[in-house]
Amino acid sequence: MFALPLGSNFYSALTAFVLFVHGVFILWVIFGALLARSRAALRWLHIGSLIWGILTQLLWPCPLTLLENWLEARAGVEPYQGGFLLHYLGRLVYPDISPSLLTAAGLIVCALNLAWYGRQIWSAVVTRSVK
């Protein structure tokens, strides 16, 4: 078998694709409740995504960040340090924000979304028990 030589352009393209997917996932975590309002399957997918977002903020690094860093290294680019939010959002939107404040903001967004779902579930349970 012949090894197919893959240039840095290939890895750069893959990095851009993973970066796009990562950005879409973060938008899904933030705004997914708006899309999942009347769709039960999307609602549970969004709840799982929120929990995943919290876990990756607190316990372990996001696999998409690790993949981006690996692809950047293969493309000959110096991989960024820290998380996706700190690297991109911190640089572009809030250049002087502390990492702990940005992490706390992400956790608050996830917690507020989960609280909203909890309130919906609680209302549904109370409504059913009254009938």
Protein backbone atom coordinates (compact mmCIF):
# COMPACT_ATOMS: atom_id res chain seq x y z
CA MET A 1 0.00 0.00 0.00
CA PHE A 2 1.09 3.51 -0.71
CA ALA A 3 0.89 6.22 1.89
CA LEU A 4 -1.00 9.22 0.62
CA PRO A 5 1.01 12.36 1.41
CA LEU A 6 -1.29 14.84 3.07
CA GLY A 7 -0.19 18.44 2.95
CA SER A 8 -0.74 21.12 5.50
CA ASN A 9 -3.59 22.49 3.36
CA PHE A 10 -5.57 19.31 3.99
CA TYR A 11 -5.10 19.62 7.75
CA SER A 12 -5.85 23.34 7.59
CA ALA A 13 -9.13 22.58 5.82
CA LEU A 14 -10.00 19.94 8.42
CA THR A 15 -9.14 22.40 11.18
CA ALA A 16 -11.46 24.99 9.64
CA PHE A 17 -14.25 22.40 9.40
CA VAL A 18 -13.83 21.34 13.05
CA LEU A 19 -13.70 25.00 14.06
CA PHE A 20 -17.00 25.57 12.23
CA VAL A 21 -18.60 22.51 13.89
CA HIS A 22 -17.34 23.72 17.27
CA GLY A 23 -18.87 27.15 16.73
CA VAL A 24 -22.19 25.64 15.63
CA PHE A 25 -22.21 23.41 18.72
CA ILE A 26 -21.68 26.40 21.00
CA LEU A 27 -24.50 28.28 19.27
CA TRP A 28 -26.66 25.16 19.73
CA VAL A 29 -25.84 25.10 23.46
CA ILE A 30 -26.72 28.78 23.83
CA PHE A 31 -29.80 28.99 21.60
CA GLY A 32 -30.93 25.38 21.22
CA ALA A 33 -33.91 25.87 23.51
CA LEU A 34 -35.45 28.15 20.90
CA LEU A 35 -35.26 25.41 18.27
CA ALA A 36 -36.32 22.62 20.62
CA ARG A 37 -39.44 24.26 22.04
CA SER A 38 -42.01 21.88 20.61
CA ARG A 39 -39.76 19.00 19.56
CA ALA A 40 -39.16 16.46 22.30
CA ALA A 41 -36.21 14.75 20.59
CA LEU A 42 -34.41 18.07 20.09
CA ARG A 43 -35.23 19.09 23.65
CA TRP A 44 -33.51 16.01 25.10
CA LEU A 45 -30.59 16.43 22.70
CA HIS A 46 -30.23 20.02 23.88
CA ILE A 47 -30.39 19.01 27.55
CA GLY A 48 -27.62 16.47 26.90
CA SER A 49 -25.60 19.16 25.12
CA LEU A 50 -26.00 21.51 28.06
CA ILE A 51 -24.80 18.86 30.49
CA TRP A 52 -21.89 18.08 28.16
CA GLY A 53 -21.04 21.80 28.03
CA ILE A 54 -20.95 22.00 31.82
CA LEU A 55 -18.81 18.88 32.11
CA THR A 56 -16.29 20.12 29.55
CA GLN A 57 -16.06 23.43 31.36
CA LEU A 58 -15.48 21.85 34.75
CA LEU A 59 -13.99 18.36 34.43
CA TRP A 60 -12.19 17.68 31.16
CA PRO A 61 -11.24 19.38 27.91
CA CYS A 62 -13.63 19.34 25.00
CA PRO A 63 -12.74 16.68 22.41
CA LEU A 64 -13.33 19.20 19.61
CA THR A 65 -10.69 21.49 21.11
CA LEU A 66 -8.26 18.60 21.34
CA LEU A 67 -8.99 17.67 17.71
CA GLU A 68 -8.52 21.27 16.57
CA ASN A 69 -5.17 21.46 18.34
CA TRP A 70 -4.03 18.15 16.87
CA LEU A 71 -5.04 19.21 13.35
CA GLU A 72 -3.36 22.60 13.76
CA ALA A 73 -0.14 20.91 14.82
CA ARG A 74 -0.34 18.61 11.77
CA ALA A 75 -0.91 21.68 9.57
CA GLY A 76 2.23 23.29 10.97
CA VAL A 77 0.37 25.88 13.02
CA GLU A 78 1.09 26.46 16.67
CA PRO A 79 -1.98 25.09 18.53
CA TYR A 80 -3.69 27.48 20.89
CA GLN A 81 -3.62 26.94 24.63
CA GLY A 82 -6.76 26.82 26.75
CA GLY A 83 -10.29 26.30 25.60
CA PHE A 84 -12.16 27.30 22.48
CA LEU A 85 -14.16 30.02 24.22
CA LEU A 86 -11.10 31.58 25.78
CA HIS A 87 -9.15 31.53 22.55
CA TYR A 88 -11.76 32.76 20.07
CA LEU A 89 -14.50 34.49 22.01
CA GLY A 90 -12.07 36.00 24.47
CA ARG A 91 -9.94 37.42 21.67
CA LEU A 92 -12.67 38.60 19.33
CA VAL A 93 -15.47 39.77 21.57
CA TYR A 94 -14.03 40.30 25.04
CA PRO A 95 -10.27 40.82 24.72
CA ASP A 96 -9.68 41.70 28.38
CA ILE A 97 -11.97 39.17 30.05
CA SER A 98 -10.49 36.80 32.60
CA PRO A 99 -10.65 33.07 31.88
CA SER A 100 -12.56 32.40 35.08
CA LEU A 101 -15.19 35.03 34.25
CA LEU A 102 -15.70 33.61 30.75
CA THR A 103 -15.99 30.10 32.18
CA ALA A 104 -18.50 31.32 34.76
CA ALA A 105 -20.54 33.02 32.03
CA GLY A 106 -20.64 29.78 30.03
CA LEU A 107 -21.73 27.83 33.09
CA ILE A 108 -24.43 30.39 33.87
CA VAL A 109 -25.82 30.16 30.32
CA CYS A 110 -25.97 26.37 30.62
CA ALA A 111 -27.51 26.51 34.10
CA LEU A 112 -30.18 29.02 33.01
CA ASN A 113 -31.11 26.81 30.06
CA LEU A 114 -31.34 23.76 32.34
CA ALA A 115 -33.42 25.72 34.86
CA TRP A 116 -35.80 26.70 32.08
CA TYR A 117 -36.17 23.05 31.06
CA GLY A 118 -36.63 22.08 34.71
CA ARG A 119 -39.43 24.61 35.04
CA GLN A 120 -41.11 23.25 31.89
CA ILE A 121 -40.90 19.69 33.16
CA TRP A 122 -42.18 20.68 36.60
CA SER A 123 -45.13 22.56 35.04
CA ALA A 124 -45.99 19.53 32.92
CA VAL A 125 -45.89 17.24 35.98
CA VAL A 126 -48.08 19.59 38.04
CA THR A 127 -50.56 19.98 35.17
CA ARG A 128 -50.85 16.21 34.77
CA SER A 129 -51.34 15.62 38.49
CA VAL A 130 -54.11 18.22 38.68
CA LYS A 131 -56.11 16.59 35.86
